[in-house]
Amino acid sequence: MRHGVDHKKFGKRTSHRLAMFANMASSLIAHGRIETTVLRAKELRRIVEKLVTRGRVDSVHRRRMARKVLRNVSAVNTLFEQIAPRFKDRNGGYTRVLKKSAPRTGDSAEMAFLEFVDYKLPAKKTKE
């Protein structure tokens, strides 16, 4: 039975799993969109949603709480100065998971994009 289990383990030890999600969350904050497996995207979404909610009010305590999860000072600064203010008037639902149609080549894992809801694809450069 799975009573009280609230996260997936991904076959990794706790320290490895937390480090993986810290790196993935920092990448999402830095780039606005990342590509990963569907299960990892869904689990990371839980972490990032809480970080953005904390980032809506800028205080030393909340920055320290975010720093504990992200382990990256520049990602914390970006979160509090650029990302969280964009979602000041939104009550949750800051990210979305977009499933890709093709699986990963090596192991056929289902792939997805995890992005912020206001993410816009960069415009393609055309030859003139």
C-alpha atoms as a PDB file:
ATOM      1  CA  MET A   1       0.000   0.000   0.000  1.00  0.00           C
ATOM      2  CA  ARG A   2       1.097   3.547  -0.707  1.00  0.00           C
ATOM      3  CA  HIS A   3      -0.299   5.316   2.337  1.00  0.00           C
ATOM      4  CA  GLY A   4       1.354   8.673   2.924  1.00  0.00           C
ATOM      5  CA  VAL A   5       3.664   8.484  -0.107  1.00  0.00           C
ATOM      6  CA  ASP A   6       3.472  11.808  -1.878  1.00  0.00           C
ATOM      7  CA  HIS A   7       6.218  11.653  -4.492  1.00  0.00           C
ATOM      8  CA  LYS A   8       7.878   9.317  -6.954  1.00  0.00           C
ATOM      9  CA  LYS A   9      11.342   7.972  -6.201  1.00  0.00           C
ATOM     10  CA  PHE A  10      12.595   7.519  -9.791  1.00  0.00           C
ATOM     11  CA  GLY A  11      14.932   4.748  -8.638  1.00  0.00           C
ATOM     12  CA  LYS A  12      17.279   7.264  -7.057  1.00  0.00           C
ATOM     13  CA  ARG A  13      18.423   7.984  -3.539  1.00  0.00           C
ATOM     14  CA  THR A  14      16.978  11.027  -1.844  1.00  0.00           C
ATOM     15  CA  SER A  15      20.058  13.213  -2.256  1.00  0.00           C
ATOM     16  CA  HIS A  16      20.363  12.364  -5.966  1.00  0.00           C
ATOM     17  CA  ARG A  17      16.652  12.998  -6.578  1.00  0.00           C
ATOM     18  CA  LEU A  18      16.684  16.346  -4.779  1.00  0.00           C
ATOM     19  CA  ALA A  19      19.814  17.430  -6.667  1.00  0.00           C
ATOM     20  CA  MET A  20      18.227  16.401  -9.976  1.00  0.00           C
ATOM     21  CA  PHE A  21      15.091  18.442  -9.280  1.00  0.00           C
ATOM     22  CA  ALA A  22      17.137  21.429  -8.068  1.00  0.00           C
ATOM     23  CA  ASN A  23      19.060  21.414 -11.356  1.00  0.00           C
ATOM     24  CA  MET A  24      15.913  20.958 -13.433  1.00  0.00           C
ATOM     25  CA  ALA A  25      14.081  23.755 -11.585  1.00  0.00           C
ATOM     26  CA  SER A  26      17.055  26.091 -12.041  1.00  0.00           C
ATOM     27  CA  SER A  27      17.104  25.295 -15.765  1.00  0.00           C
ATOM     28  CA  LEU A  28      13.376  25.923 -16.076  1.00  0.00           C
ATOM     29  CA  ILE A  29      13.720  29.271 -14.323  1.00  0.00           C
ATOM     30  CA  ALA A  30      16.693  30.242 -16.475  1.00  0.00           C
ATOM     31  CA  HIS A  31      15.256  29.173 -19.849  1.00  0.00           C
ATOM     32  CA  GLY A  32      11.481  29.225 -19.359  1.00  0.00           C
ATOM     33  CA  ARG A  33      11.073  25.803 -20.961  1.00  0.00           C
ATOM     34  CA  ILE A  34      12.770  22.427 -20.618  1.00  0.00           C
ATOM     35  CA  GLU A  35      12.361  19.034 -22.251  1.00  0.00           C
ATOM     36  CA  THR A  36      12.218  15.969 -20.018  1.00  0.00           C
ATOM     37  CA  THR A  37      10.184  12.815 -19.464  1.00  0.00           C
ATOM     38  CA  VAL A  38       6.489  13.145 -18.669  1.00  0.00           C
ATOM     39  CA  LEU A  39       6.815  11.731 -15.150  1.00  0.00           C
ATOM     40  CA  ARG A  40       9.703  14.016 -14.254  1.00  0.00           C
ATOM     41  CA  ALA A  41       7.856  17.016 -15.684  1.00  0.00           C
ATOM     42  CA  LYS A  42       4.775  16.272 -13.600  1.00  0.00           C
ATOM     43  CA  GLU A  43       6.817  15.858 -10.432  1.00  0.00           C
ATOM     44  CA  LEU A  44       8.925  18.965 -11.121  1.00  0.00           C
ATOM     45  CA  ARG A  45       5.761  20.974 -11.739  1.00  0.00           C
ATOM     46  CA  ARG A  46       4.791  20.478  -8.074  1.00  0.00           C
ATOM     47  CA  ILE A  47       8.124  21.906  -6.918  1.00  0.00           C
ATOM     48  CA  VAL A  48       8.189  24.888  -9.293  1.00  0.00           C
ATOM     49  CA  GLU A  49       4.584  25.896  -8.547  1.00  0.00           C
ATOM     50  CA  LYS A  50       5.443  26.174  -4.850  1.00  0.00           C
ATOM     51  CA  LEU A  51       8.589  28.187  -5.639  1.00  0.00           C
ATOM     52  CA  VAL A  52       6.681  30.694  -7.779  1.00  0.00           C
ATOM     53  CA  THR A  53       4.034  31.065  -5.079  1.00  0.00           C
ATOM     54  CA  ARG A  54       6.757  31.797  -2.532  1.00  0.00           C
ATOM     55  CA  GLY A  55       8.416  34.212  -4.939  1.00  0.00           C
ATOM     56  CA  ARG A  56       5.351  36.422  -5.215  1.00  0.00           C
ATOM     57  CA  VAL A  57       6.268  38.112  -1.909  1.00  0.00           C
ATOM     58  CA  ASP A  58       9.902  39.219  -1.810  1.00  0.00           C
ATOM     59  CA  SER A  59      11.421  38.820   1.652  1.00  0.00           C
ATOM     60  CA  VAL A  60      14.675  37.508   3.056  1.00  0.00           C
ATOM     61  CA  HIS A  61      12.952  34.502   4.605  1.00  0.00           C
ATOM     62  CA  ARG A  62      11.264  33.476   1.356  1.00  0.00           C
ATOM     63  CA  ARG A  63      14.493  33.914  -0.579  1.00  0.00           C
ATOM     64  CA  ARG A  64      16.246  31.604   1.883  1.00  0.00           C
ATOM     65  CA  MET A  65      13.469  29.029   1.540  1.00  0.00           C
ATOM     66  CA  ALA A  66      13.813  29.147  -2.258  1.00  0.00           C
ATOM     67  CA  ARG A  67      17.611  28.971  -2.000  1.00  0.00           C
ATOM     68  CA  LYS A  68      17.274  25.784   0.047  1.00  0.00           C
ATOM     69  CA  VAL A  69      15.373  24.115  -2.798  1.00  0.00           C
ATOM     70  CA  LEU A  70      17.154  25.622  -5.821  1.00  0.00           C
ATOM     71  CA  ARG A  71      20.755  25.704  -4.498  1.00  0.00           C
ATOM     72  CA  ASN A  72      21.542  28.433  -7.040  1.00  0.00           C
ATOM     73  CA  VAL A  73      21.685  32.132  -6.149  1.00  0.00           C
ATOM     74  CA  SER A  74      21.215  33.405  -9.713  1.00  0.00           C
ATOM     75  CA  ALA A  75      18.122  31.207 -10.166  1.00  0.00           C
ATOM     76  CA  VAL A  76      16.668  32.565  -6.920  1.00  0.00           C
ATOM     77  CA  ASN A  77      17.290  36.142  -8.084  1.00  0.00           C
ATOM     78  CA  THR A  78      15.671  35.434 -11.454  1.00  0.00           C
ATOM     79  CA  LEU A  79      12.700  33.814  -9.736  1.00  0.00           C
ATOM     80  CA  PHE A  80      12.057  36.763  -7.419  1.00  0.00           C
ATOM     81  CA  GLU A  81      12.889  39.584  -9.841  1.00  0.00           C
ATOM     82  CA  GLN A  82      11.539  38.362 -13.196  1.00  0.00           C
ATOM     83  CA  ILE A  83       9.313  35.293 -12.987  1.00  0.00           C
ATOM     84  CA  ALA A  84       7.200  35.691  -9.842  1.00  0.00           C
ATOM     85  CA  PRO A  85       6.145  39.303 -10.591  1.00  0.00           C
ATOM     86  CA  ARG A  86       4.662  38.110 -13.915  1.00  0.00           C
ATOM     87  CA  PHE A  87       2.261  35.882 -11.973  1.00  0.00           C
ATOM     88  CA  LYS A  88       1.261  38.411  -9.277  1.00  0.00           C
ATOM     89  CA  ASP A  89      -2.428  38.268 -10.240  1.00  0.00           C
ATOM     90  CA  ARG A  90      -2.609  34.531 -10.981  1.00  0.00           C
ATOM     91  CA  ASN A  91      -3.793  32.046  -8.349  1.00  0.00           C
ATOM     92  CA  GLY A  92      -1.701  29.001  -9.258  1.00  0.00           C
ATOM     93  CA  GLY A  93      -1.255  27.114 -12.500  1.00  0.00           C
ATOM     94  CA  TYR A  94       1.989  28.801 -13.478  1.00  0.00           C
ATOM     95  CA  THR A  95       3.365  25.904 -15.550  1.00  0.00           C
ATOM     96  CA  ARG A  96       2.080  23.454 -18.140  1.00  0.00           C
ATOM     97  CA  VAL A  97       3.201  20.072 -19.419  1.00  0.00           C
ATOM     98  CA  LEU A  98       3.033  19.606 -23.192  1.00  0.00           C
ATOM     99  CA  LYS A  99       3.492  16.013 -24.279  1.00  0.00           C
ATOM    100  CA  LYS A 100       5.564  15.350 -27.384  1.00  0.00           C
ATOM    101  CA  SER A 101       4.215  12.986 -30.001  1.00  0.00           C
ATOM    102  CA  ALA A 102       7.442  11.054 -30.545  1.00  0.00           C
ATOM    103  CA  PRO A 103       9.105   9.064 -27.754  1.00  0.00           C
ATOM    104  CA  ARG A 104      12.814   9.325 -26.934  1.00  0.00           C
ATOM    105  CA  THR A 105      14.963   7.374 -29.376  1.00  0.00           C
ATOM    106  CA  GLY A 106      17.101   5.426 -26.919  1.00  0.00           C
ATOM    107  CA  ASP A 107      14.556   3.960 -24.508  1.00  0.00           C
ATOM    108  CA  SER A 108      11.147   4.998 -25.942  1.00  0.00           C
ATOM    109  CA  ALA A 109      10.327   7.098 -22.880  1.00  0.00           C
ATOM    110  CA  GLU A 110       7.411   9.514 -23.227  1.00  0.00           C
ATOM    111  CA  MET A 111       8.817  13.013 -23.547  1.00  0.00           C
ATOM    112  CA  ALA A 112       7.277  16.371 -22.681  1.00  0.00           C
ATOM    113  CA  PHE A 113       8.009  20.059 -22.425  1.00  0.00           C
ATOM    114  CA  LEU A 114       7.565  21.787 -19.079  1.00  0.00           C
ATOM    115  CA  GLU A 115       7.126  25.527 -19.538  1.00  0.00           C
ATOM    116  CA  PHE A 116       5.661  28.577 -17.877  1.00  0.00           C
ATOM    117  CA  VAL A 117       2.192  29.433 -19.163  1.00  0.00           C
ATOM    118  CA  ASP A 118       3.311  32.795 -20.575  1.00  0.00           C
ATOM    119  CA  TYR A 119       6.277  31.275 -22.461  1.00  0.00           C
ATOM    120  CA  LYS A 120       6.579  32.351 -26.084  1.00  0.00           C
ATOM    121  CA  LEU A 121       8.678  30.477 -28.603  1.00  0.00           C
ATOM    122  CA  PRO A 122      11.579  32.512 -29.983  1.00  0.00           C
ATOM    123  CA  ALA A 123      10.914  33.833 -33.470  1.00  0.00           C
ATOM    124  CA  LYS A 124      12.786  32.058 -36.239  1.00  0.00           C
ATOM    125  CA  LYS A 125      15.277  34.120 -38.163  1.00  0.00           C
ATOM    126  CA  THR A 126      14.562  34.345 -41.869  1.00  0.00           C
ATOM    127  CA  LYS A 127      17.011  35.031 -44.660  1.00  0.00           C
ATOM    128  CA  GLU A 128      16.510  38.352 -46.372  1.00  0.00           C
END
